[in-house]
């Protein structure tokens, strides 16, 4: 058996094991890199570890450490309360505020499940109280998280942009972010219309800000079941270990001593965006520098922040990219790319890639599938037969919008926080039905919008 074929079998086995068992895909990938590299290819340890993505390691640690401090010092609560003030008494705006808040949280560096874990309990509690469709509210939260997930300083965005930075492909991080944002925004608009959003336009509610603050302080159903943590899952987008960045943040108050660190945090996030994006400085170094400054300003707020870094996601991404480096040594990437190019139909090949990303990601890790498929597609995209930017954007959208699945961490969090009085079995079936539509239609729509026109 040739090395490329064997490596593909190993990759498939890794995804299968990580889907059916609570195993971290990154840990499996390190084992796969060792077995394929050292045993099959005769690579030395140094040669295998040369593929370790040190830059991405620093970036993910930096942005999740920064977010953990922002969570601890009450900045996230401050942003939530500021956003809900925009609602006033208009019930129809509640789903959109939840969409926007979740998008902002992921855009500034939170993992998608962390943002959903923070906002879902609030959103679904109001869904029950004001007779808003729980499916509408839950999916608005998830699509909001995905809308902001590919910002240049978000974990998804950093991962994809970091992979492509090592290639010769011309790529636009802005196009990636806007593609995901607009695609999820359009889906949210459709959901709002189909699931009764128009009927909310005439509804009013009083004291929404105060009620939102109370809901934010309430512990979610899922957190209660796990003693304050989101349960560990071996599948879904962004797996957590024993701790979750959405854990026990400190409530923001109006006291000056606590308000100053929050304002400094907001200023730090703005500086991160300006310096990293405007001056093209490394996101990892800038984010961890800002995090240390915040820790010096408010030492109490950084207590436990290191434990809230998403180490399981760090392990996942670093393990997968190390394995991908070994795949390249095995000739797997050229093997797969030649097979795709040999089809002679680049548009069809792009559609197949999007479908693979969507179907596998619905049950496994979105981050892992992006880390695996993008390098495999690079040689095919380098031929110039099809727009590389469009295909990458379509793949990114296809692999992440399916996180509405109840088998993913995001979907499971929404299901766990179903409002009182809602039949969970029926709610599960509705989420499952919607995720089935997304898995089938999502890749096709992304392909039609981003690849077929050839404008990217």
Protein backbone atom coordinates (compact mmCIF):
# COMPACT_ATOMS: atom_id res chain seq x y z
CA UNK A 1 0.00 0.00 0.00
CA UNK A 2 1.38 3.40 -0.97
CA UNK A 3 2.11 6.06 1.65
CA UNK A 4 -0.56 8.49 0.33
CA UNK A 5 -3.30 5.85 0.47
CA UNK A 6 -2.21 4.71 3.94
CA UNK A 7 -2.17 8.31 5.18
CA UNK A 8 -5.71 8.88 3.92
CA UNK A 9 -6.85 5.76 5.79
CA UNK A 10 -5.17 7.05 8.95
CA UNK A 11 -6.86 10.44 8.52
CA UNK A 12 -10.28 8.83 8.06
CA UNK A 13 -9.71 6.64 11.15
CA UNK A 14 -8.81 9.73 13.17
CA UNK A 15 -12.05 11.50 12.24
CA UNK A 16 -14.08 8.35 12.96
CA UNK A 17 -12.54 7.85 16.41
CA UNK A 18 -12.92 11.53 17.34
CA UNK A 19 -16.58 11.41 16.28
CA UNK A 20 -17.69 8.29 18.15
CA UNK A 21 -15.40 8.61 21.18
CA UNK A 22 -14.59 11.58 23.46
CA UNK A 23 -11.05 11.83 22.07
CA UNK A 24 -9.30 15.03 21.11
CA UNK A 25 -8.63 15.06 17.38
CA UNK A 26 -5.35 16.88 17.92
CA UNK A 27 -4.01 14.16 20.21
CA UNK A 28 -4.94 11.55 17.62
CA UNK A 29 -3.24 13.67 14.96
CA UNK A 30 0.03 13.75 16.89
CA UNK A 31 -0.11 9.95 17.15
CA UNK A 32 -0.90 9.73 13.44
CA UNK A 33 2.01 12.06 12.62
CA UNK A 34 4.37 9.90 14.66
CA UNK A 35 3.20 6.59 13.19
CA UNK A 36 3.09 7.84 9.61
CA UNK A 37 6.23 9.95 9.84
CA UNK A 38 8.57 7.86 11.98
CA UNK A 39 7.36 4.32 11.27
CA UNK A 40 6.25 4.51 7.62
CA UNK A 41 8.32 7.38 6.18
CA UNK A 42 11.38 7.09 8.42
CA UNK A 43 11.27 10.77 9.43
CA UNK A 44 13.20 11.91 12.50
CA UNK A 45 11.45 13.51 15.45
CA UNK A 46 12.92 16.90 14.54
CA UNK A 47 11.58 16.59 11.00
CA UNK A 48 8.10 15.79 12.29
CA UNK A 49 8.12 18.63 14.84
CA UNK A 50 9.32 21.09 12.19
CA UNK A 51 5.69 21.09 11.05
CA UNK A 52 4.43 22.26 14.46
CA UNK A 53 2.60 25.61 13.92
CA UNK A 54 4.29 27.78 16.55
CA UNK A 55 2.74 30.98 15.23
CA UNK A 56 -0.82 29.65 15.42
CA UNK A 57 -0.13 28.25 18.88
CA UNK A 58 0.82 31.71 20.15
CA UNK A 59 -2.10 33.37 18.40
CA UNK A 60 -4.79 31.05 19.76
CA UNK A 61 -3.32 31.15 23.27
CA UNK A 62 -3.08 34.95 23.08
CA UNK A 63 -6.62 35.67 21.87
CA UNK A 64 -8.32 33.14 24.18
CA UNK A 65 -6.26 34.37 27.17
CA UNK A 66 -7.31 37.93 26.35
CA UNK A 67 -10.96 36.88 26.08
CA UNK A 68 -10.76 35.00 29.40
CA UNK A 69 -9.56 38.16 31.16
CA UNK A 70 -12.32 40.17 29.49
CA UNK A 71 -14.79 37.58 30.75
CA UNK A 72 -13.39 37.70 34.28
CA UNK A 73 -13.31 41.47 34.66
CA UNK A 74 -16.93 41.89 33.54
CA UNK A 75 -16.25 43.48 30.15
CA UNK A 76 -18.39 40.91 28.33
CA UNK A 77 -21.31 41.58 30.71
CA UNK A 78 -20.82 45.30 30.13
CA UNK A 79 -21.03 44.82 26.35
CA UNK A 80 -24.13 42.64 26.71
CA UNK A 81 -25.94 45.22 28.81
CA UNK A 82 -24.91 48.00 26.45
CA UNK A 83 -26.26 46.06 23.49
CA UNK A 84 -29.62 45.19 25.02
CA UNK A 85 -30.27 48.87 25.71
CA UNK A 86 -30.75 49.18 21.96
CA UNK A 87 -33.86 47.03 22.19
CA UNK A 88 -35.95 49.40 24.25
CA UNK A 89 -39.42 47.84 24.33
CA UNK A 90 -39.32 46.23 20.87
CA UNK A 91 -39.52 42.44 21.10
CA UNK A 92 -38.71 42.00 17.39
CA UNK A 93 -35.20 43.35 18.01
CA UNK A 94 -34.35 40.78 20.69
CA UNK A 95 -33.25 38.02 18.24
CA UNK A 96 -31.15 40.55 16.31
CA UNK A 97 -29.46 41.86 19.44
CA UNK A 98 -28.56 38.28 20.39
CA UNK A 99 -27.19 37.71 16.86
CA UNK A 100 -25.11 40.89 17.04
CA UNK A 101 -23.74 40.31 20.55
CA UNK A 102 -22.65 36.76 19.74
CA UNK A 103 -21.01 37.95 16.51
CA UNK A 104 -19.05 40.61 18.38
CA UNK A 105 -17.90 38.16 21.06
CA UNK A 106 -16.53 35.68 18.51
CA UNK A 107 -15.06 38.45 16.37
CA UNK A 108 -12.89 39.66 19.24
CA UNK A 109 -11.41 36.24 19.92
CA UNK A 110 -13.88 33.93 21.68
CA UNK A 111 -14.42 30.45 20.36
CA UNK A 112 -17.85 29.92 18.90
CA UNK A 113 -19.07 27.54 21.65
CA UNK A 114 -17.87 29.98 24.33
CA UNK A 115 -19.96 32.78 22.83
CA UNK A 116 -22.99 30.49 22.47
CA UNK A 117 -22.59 29.31 26.07
CA UNK A 118 -22.68 32.93 27.25
CA UNK A 119 -25.62 34.17 25.17
CA UNK A 120 -27.85 31.09 24.69
CA UNK A 121 -29.21 31.06 28.27
CA UNK A 122 -30.23 34.71 27.97
CA UNK A 123 -31.71 34.37 24.49
CA UNK A 124 -33.73 31.23 25.17
CA UNK A 125 -35.04 32.50 28.50
CA UNK A 126 -36.53 35.49 26.64
CA UNK A 127 -37.80 33.19 23.91
CA UNK A 128 -39.90 31.39 26.51
CA UNK A 129 -41.02 34.56 28.27
CA UNK A 130 -42.09 36.50 25.15
CA UNK A 131 -43.31 33.61 23.00
CA UNK A 132 -40.49 33.84 20.48
CA UNK A 133 -39.75 30.64 18.59
CA UNK A 134 -36.97 28.82 20.52
CA UNK A 135 -35.63 27.50 17.22
CA UNK A 136 -35.44 31.05 15.84
CA UNK A 137 -33.68 32.37 18.93
CA UNK A 138 -31.25 29.46 19.26
CA UNK A 139 -30.26 29.52 15.60
CA UNK A 140 -29.85 33.32 15.65
CA UNK A 141 -27.31 32.88 18.43
CA UNK A 142 -25.39 30.16 16.58
CA UNK A 143 -25.42 31.97 13.23
CA UNK A 144 -24.31 35.13 15.03
CA UNK A 145 -21.34 33.24 16.45
CA UNK A 146 -20.43 31.97 12.99
CA UNK A 147 -20.93 35.42 11.45
CA UNK A 148 -18.12 36.85 13.56
CA UNK A 149 -16.02 33.69 13.63
CA UNK A 150 -13.81 34.50 10.64
CA UNK A 151 -12.68 37.97 11.64
CA UNK A 152 -8.89 38.28 11.23
CA UNK A 153 -8.44 38.13 15.03
CA UNK A 154 -10.93 35.31 15.67
CA UNK A 155 -9.80 31.71 16.09
CA UNK A 156 -11.35 30.44 12.84
CA UNK A 157 -10.01 33.42 10.91
CA UNK A 158 -6.54 33.09 12.40
CA UNK A 159 -6.48 29.38 11.58
CA UNK A 160 -7.48 29.71 7.92
CA UNK A 161 -5.37 32.80 7.30
CA UNK A 162 -2.38 31.17 9.01
CA UNK A 163 -2.62 28.09 6.79
CA UNK A 164 -2.90 30.15 3.62
CA UNK A 165 -0.06 32.48 4.62
CA UNK A 166 2.34 29.56 4.07
CA UNK A 167 1.15 29.08 0.47
CA UNK A 168 1.58 31.09 -2.72
CA UNK A 169 -2.16 31.65 -3.07
CA UNK A 170 -3.37 35.23 -3.19
CA UNK A 171 -5.96 35.50 -0.44
CA UNK A 172 -8.04 38.16 1.30
CA UNK A 173 -8.82 37.83 5.05
CA UNK A 174 -11.43 40.56 4.59
CA UNK A 175 -13.21 38.54 1.91
CA UNK A 176 -13.24 35.51 4.20
CA UNK A 177 -14.75 37.49 7.08
CA UNK A 178 -17.36 39.28 4.97
CA UNK A 179 -18.36 36.09 3.15
CA UNK A 180 -19.13 34.31 6.40
CA UNK A 181 -20.78 37.35 7.97
CA UNK A 182 -23.06 38.12 5.03
CA UNK A 183 -23.94 34.45 4.45
CA UNK A 184 -24.97 33.95 8.09
CA UNK A 185 -26.78 37.29 8.12
CA UNK A 186 -28.86 36.25 5.09
CA UNK A 187 -29.71 32.93 6.76
CA UNK A 188 -30.75 34.85 9.88
CA UNK A 189 -33.05 37.05 7.80
CA UNK A 190 -34.70 34.01 6.24
CA UNK A 191 -35.14 32.37 9.64
CA UNK A 192 -36.63 35.55 11.07
CA UNK A 193 -39.26 35.67 8.34
CA UNK A 194 -40.04 31.93 8.25
CA UNK A 195 -40.16 31.36 12.02
CA UNK A 196 -42.56 34.16 12.91
CA UNK A 197 -40.31 37.15 13.30
CA UNK A 198 -42.78 39.41 11.50
CA UNK A 199 -45.39 38.69 14.17
CA UNK A 200 -43.06 40.14 16.79
CA UNK A 201 -43.00 43.58 15.18
CA UNK A 202 -46.09 44.69 17.08
CA UNK A 203 -45.02 43.22 20.42
CA UNK A 204 -43.66 45.38 23.22
CA UNK A 205 -41.81 44.58 26.43
CA UNK A 206 -40.91 46.71 29.40
CA UNK A 207 -37.74 46.75 31.51
CA UNK A 208 -35.85 44.61 29.02
CA UNK A 209 -32.42 45.80 30.17
CA UNK A 210 -33.05 44.85 33.78
CA UNK A 211 -34.47 41.48 32.81
CA UNK A 212 -31.52 40.78 30.53
CA UNK A 213 -29.11 41.52 33.36
CA UNK A 214 -30.97 39.06 35.58
CA UNK A 215 -30.91 36.43 32.85
CA UNK A 216 -27.17 36.92 32.32
CA UNK A 217 -26.55 36.15 35.98
CA UNK A 218 -28.63 32.97 35.85
CA UNK A 219 -26.74 29.73 35.38
CA UNK A 220 -27.62 27.82 32.21
CA UNK A 221 -29.14 24.37 32.28
CA UNK A 222 -26.04 22.93 30.66
CA UNK A 223 -23.72 24.64 33.13
CA UNK A 224 -25.73 23.41 36.10
CA UNK A 225 -25.52 19.84 34.85
CA UNK A 226 -21.74 20.07 34.61
CA UNK A 227 -21.09 22.01 37.80
CA UNK A 228 -20.49 25.28 35.98
CA UNK A 229 -18.71 23.98 32.91
CA UNK A 230 -19.83 23.13 29.41
CA UNK A 231 -19.62 19.33 29.13
CA UNK A 232 -16.60 18.03 27.25
CA UNK A 233 -17.48 16.82 23.78
CA UNK A 234 -15.36 14.89 21.35
CA UNK A 235 -17.08 16.48 18.39
CA UNK A 236 -18.35 19.82 17.20
CA UNK A 237 -16.69 23.11 16.53
CA UNK A 238 -14.02 23.92 19.08
CA UNK A 239 -13.89 21.24 21.78
CA UNK A 240 -13.45 22.11 25.42
CA UNK A 241 -11.54 20.31 28.05
CA UNK A 242 -12.57 20.47 31.71
CA UNK A 243 -12.83 24.27 31.67
CA UNK A 244 -14.79 26.57 29.40
CA UNK A 245 -14.09 30.25 28.64
CA UNK A 246 -17.81 30.85 29.25
CA UNK A 247 -17.39 29.90 32.88
CA UNK A 248 -17.66 32.10 35.94
CA UNK A 249 -17.02 35.70 34.86
CA UNK A 250 -17.22 38.53 37.38
CA UNK A 251 -20.34 40.68 37.04
CA UNK A 252 -19.69 44.22 35.92
CA UNK A 253 -20.64 46.91 38.40
CA UNK A 254 -20.76 50.66 38.36
CA UNK A 255 -17.99 50.98 40.93
CA UNK A 256 -15.06 52.96 39.60
CA UNK A 257 -12.50 50.37 40.69
CA UNK A 258 -14.14 47.74 38.50
CA UNK A 259 -15.18 50.01 35.65
CA UNK A 260 -11.61 51.13 34.87
CA UNK A 261 -10.34 47.61 33.92
CA UNK A 262 -13.41 47.16 31.71
CA UNK A 263 -12.75 50.40 29.86
CA UNK A 264 -9.07 49.49 29.51
CA UNK A 265 -10.13 46.10 28.12
CA UNK A 266 -12.37 47.71 25.50
CA UNK A 267 -9.51 50.07 24.58
CA UNK A 268 -7.20 47.03 24.35
CA UNK A 269 -9.54 45.25 21.95
CA UNK A 270 -9.64 48.36 19.76
CA UNK A 271 -5.84 48.58 19.84
CA UNK A 272 -5.61 44.90 18.88
CA UNK A 273 -7.80 45.47 15.84
CA UNK A 274 -5.94 48.61 14.76
CA UNK A 275 -2.40 47.35 15.32
CA UNK A 276 -2.90 43.80 14.06
CA UNK A 277 -5.01 44.72 11.05
CA UNK A 278 -3.87 48.24 10.21
CA UNK A 279 -0.16 47.75 10.83
CA UNK A 280 -0.07 44.01 9.97
CA UNK A 281 1.59 43.07 13.27
CA UNK A 282 1.38 39.51 14.57
CA UNK A 283 -1.99 38.91 16.24
CA UNK A 284 -0.53 36.45 18.75
CA UNK A 285 2.17 38.76 20.11
CA UNK A 286 -0.16 41.77 20.18
CA UNK A 287 -3.02 39.93 21.91
CA UNK A 288 -0.85 38.35 24.59
CA UNK A 289 0.85 41.71 25.22
CA UNK A 290 -2.54 43.37 25.73
CA UNK A 291 -3.62 40.50 27.98
CA UNK A 292 -0.55 41.00 30.20
CA UNK A 293 -1.24 44.74 30.40
CA UNK A 294 -4.80 43.98 31.52
CA UNK A 295 -3.49 41.50 34.07
CA UNK A 296 -1.23 44.23 35.49
CA UNK A 297 -4.12 46.71 35.61
CA UNK A 298 -6.39 44.26 37.41
CA UNK A 299 -4.46 41.28 38.86
CA UNK A 300 -7.60 39.81 40.44
CA UNK A 301 -9.37 39.59 37.08
CA UNK A 302 -6.68 37.41 35.54
CA UNK A 303 -6.96 34.83 38.30
CA UNK A 304 -7.82 31.55 36.63
CA UNK A 305 -7.58 33.05 33.13
CA UNK A 306 -4.78 30.68 32.15
CA UNK A 307 -7.04 27.73 32.94
CA UNK A 308 -9.71 29.22 30.68
CA UNK A 309 -7.46 29.23 27.62
CA UNK A 310 -8.97 26.66 25.27
CA UNK A 311 -6.11 24.21 25.54
CA UNK A 312 -8.09 21.44 23.84
CA UNK A 313 -8.52 23.66 20.77
CA UNK A 314 -4.80 24.52 20.86
CA UNK A 315 -4.05 20.78 20.93
CA UNK A 316 -6.54 20.18 18.13
CA UNK A 317 -5.15 22.76 15.72
CA UNK A 318 -1.47 22.14 16.47
CA UNK A 319 -1.88 18.38 16.18
CA UNK A 320 -3.82 18.59 12.92
CA UNK A 321 -1.36 20.96 11.24
CA UNK A 322 1.60 18.87 12.37
CA UNK A 323 -0.09 15.85 10.81
CA UNK A 324 -0.82 17.79 7.62
CA UNK A 325 2.90 18.58 7.37
CA UNK A 326 3.64 14.86 7.50
CA UNK A 327 0.95 14.28 4.85
CA UNK A 328 2.85 16.64 2.58
CA UNK A 329 6.05 14.65 3.12
CA UNK A 330 4.12 11.48 2.26
CA UNK A 331 2.96 12.97 -1.03
CA UNK A 332 -0.69 12.80 0.04
CA UNK A 333 -1.49 16.40 -0.82
CA UNK A 334 -0.17 16.06 -4.37
CA UNK A 335 -1.92 12.69 -4.68
CA UNK A 336 -5.32 14.08 -3.66
CA UNK A 337 -4.92 17.29 -5.62
CA UNK A 338 -3.97 15.39 -8.78
CA UNK A 339 -7.06 13.23 -8.38
CA UNK A 340 -9.27 16.30 -8.01
CA UNK A 341 -7.64 18.08 -10.95
CA UNK A 342 -7.96 14.89 -13.02
CA UNK A 343 -11.73 15.15 -12.85
CA UNK A 344 -11.48 17.92 -15.43
CA UNK A 345 -14.42 19.74 -13.84
CA UNK A 346 -13.10 22.27 -11.32
CA UNK A 347 -16.54 23.60 -10.40
CA UNK A 348 -17.79 20.11 -9.56
CA UNK A 349 -14.60 19.42 -7.61
CA UNK A 350 -15.16 22.58 -5.57
CA UNK A 351 -18.74 21.52 -4.80
CA UNK A 352 -17.56 18.08 -3.65
CA UNK A 353 -14.97 19.71 -1.35
CA UNK A 354 -17.68 21.91 0.19
CA UNK A 355 -19.97 18.93 0.74
CA UNK A 356 -17.19 16.92 2.38
CA UNK A 357 -16.48 19.85 4.70
CA UNK A 358 -20.15 20.21 5.64
CA UNK A 359 -20.98 16.55 6.22
CA UNK A 360 -17.86 15.72 8.23
CA UNK A 361 -18.02 18.95 10.24
CA UNK A 362 -21.63 18.28 11.28
CA UNK A 363 -20.34 15.38 13.39
CA UNK A 364 -16.65 16.21 13.90
CA UNK A 365 -14.66 19.37 14.56
CA UNK A 366 -15.07 22.26 12.14
CA UNK A 367 -11.58 23.46 12.99
CA UNK A 368 -10.11 20.05 12.26
CA UNK A 369 -11.84 19.71 8.90
CA UNK A 370 -10.65 23.17 7.83
CA UNK A 371 -7.12 22.33 8.90
CA UNK A 372 -7.26 19.10 6.88
CA UNK A 373 -9.11 20.12 3.71
CA UNK A 374 -7.55 23.50 2.96
CA UNK A 375 -3.97 22.16 2.59
CA UNK A 376 -5.30 19.27 0.48
CA UNK A 377 -7.03 21.74 -1.84
CA UNK A 378 -4.12 24.19 -2.22
CA UNK A 379 -2.29 22.48 -5.14
CA UNK A 380 -5.59 22.13 -7.03
CA UNK A 381 -6.38 25.81 -6.43
CA UNK A 382 -2.87 26.85 -7.49
CA UNK A 383 -3.59 25.74 -11.06
CA UNK A 384 -5.70 28.85 -11.56
CA UNK A 385 -8.58 26.92 -13.14
CA UNK A 386 -10.94 28.24 -10.45
CA UNK A 387 -10.98 31.21 -8.07
CA UNK A 388 -9.02 30.20 -4.97
CA UNK A 389 -10.53 32.88 -2.74
CA UNK A 390 -14.08 31.84 -3.62
CA UNK A 391 -13.44 28.15 -2.97
CA UNK A 392 -11.75 28.80 0.40
CA UNK A 393 -14.58 31.13 1.47
CA UNK A 394 -17.22 28.61 0.36
CA UNK A 395 -15.44 25.79 2.21
CA UNK A 396 -15.14 27.91 5.35
CA UNK A 397 -18.85 28.73 5.28
CA UNK A 398 -19.88 25.14 4.48
CA UNK A 399 -17.79 23.68 7.31
CA UNK A 400 -19.09 26.05 9.99
CA UNK A 401 -22.77 26.76 9.29
CA UNK A 402 -23.50 23.10 10.05
CA UNK A 403 -22.59 23.71 13.69
CA UNK A 404 -26.35 24.15 14.22
CA UNK A 405 -26.41 20.34 14.43
CA UNK A 406 -27.44 18.97 17.86
CA UNK A 407 -24.37 16.74 17.59
CA UNK A 408 -22.08 19.77 17.65
CA UNK A 409 -21.22 21.74 20.78
CA UNK A 410 -23.19 24.79 19.64
CA UNK A 411 -26.35 22.85 18.86
CA UNK A 412 -26.05 20.88 22.10
CA UNK A 413 -25.79 24.11 24.11
CA UNK A 414 -28.97 25.48 22.52
CA UNK A 415 -30.80 22.22 23.18
CA UNK A 416 -29.61 22.15 26.80
CA UNK A 417 -30.99 25.65 27.40
CA UNK A 418 -34.48 24.99 25.99
CA UNK A 419 -37.05 27.21 27.74
CA UNK A 420 -39.28 25.73 30.42
CA UNK A 421 -42.42 24.24 28.96
CA UNK A 422 -40.75 23.32 25.67
CA UNK A 423 -40.80 19.61 24.80
CA UNK A 424 -37.10 18.78 24.48
CA UNK A 425 -37.74 15.81 22.23
CA UNK A 426 -39.69 17.97 19.81
CA UNK A 427 -37.11 20.74 20.10
CA UNK A 428 -34.35 18.23 19.34
CA UNK A 429 -36.23 17.01 16.27
CA UNK A 430 -36.71 20.58 15.03
CA UNK A 431 -33.01 21.36 15.45
CA UNK A 432 -32.11 18.08 13.76
CA UNK A 433 -34.46 18.81 10.86
CA UNK A 434 -33.07 22.30 10.41
CA UNK A 435 -29.48 21.04 10.55
CA UNK A 436 -30.33 18.47 7.86
CA UNK A 437 -31.55 21.28 5.59
CA UNK A 438 -28.37 23.26 6.29
CA UNK A 439 -26.09 20.29 5.57
CA UNK A 440 -27.76 19.68 2.21
CA UNK A 441 -28.48 23.23 1.07
CA UNK A 442 -25.63 25.14 2.73
CA UNK A 443 -22.74 23.88 0.57
CA UNK A 444 -24.77 24.32 -2.61
CA UNK A 445 -25.73 27.90 -1.73
CA UNK A 446 -22.17 28.76 -0.70
CA UNK A 447 -20.87 27.25 -3.96
CA UNK A 448 -23.45 29.13 -6.04
CA UNK A 449 -22.78 32.45 -4.29
CA UNK A 450 -19.01 32.36 -3.87
CA UNK A 451 -17.54 29.97 -6.48
CA UNK A 452 -19.75 29.83 -9.58
CA UNK A 453 -19.84 33.60 -10.31
CA UNK A 454 -16.02 33.68 -10.29
CA UNK A 455 -15.94 37.13 -8.70
CA UNK A 456 -13.65 36.03 -5.84
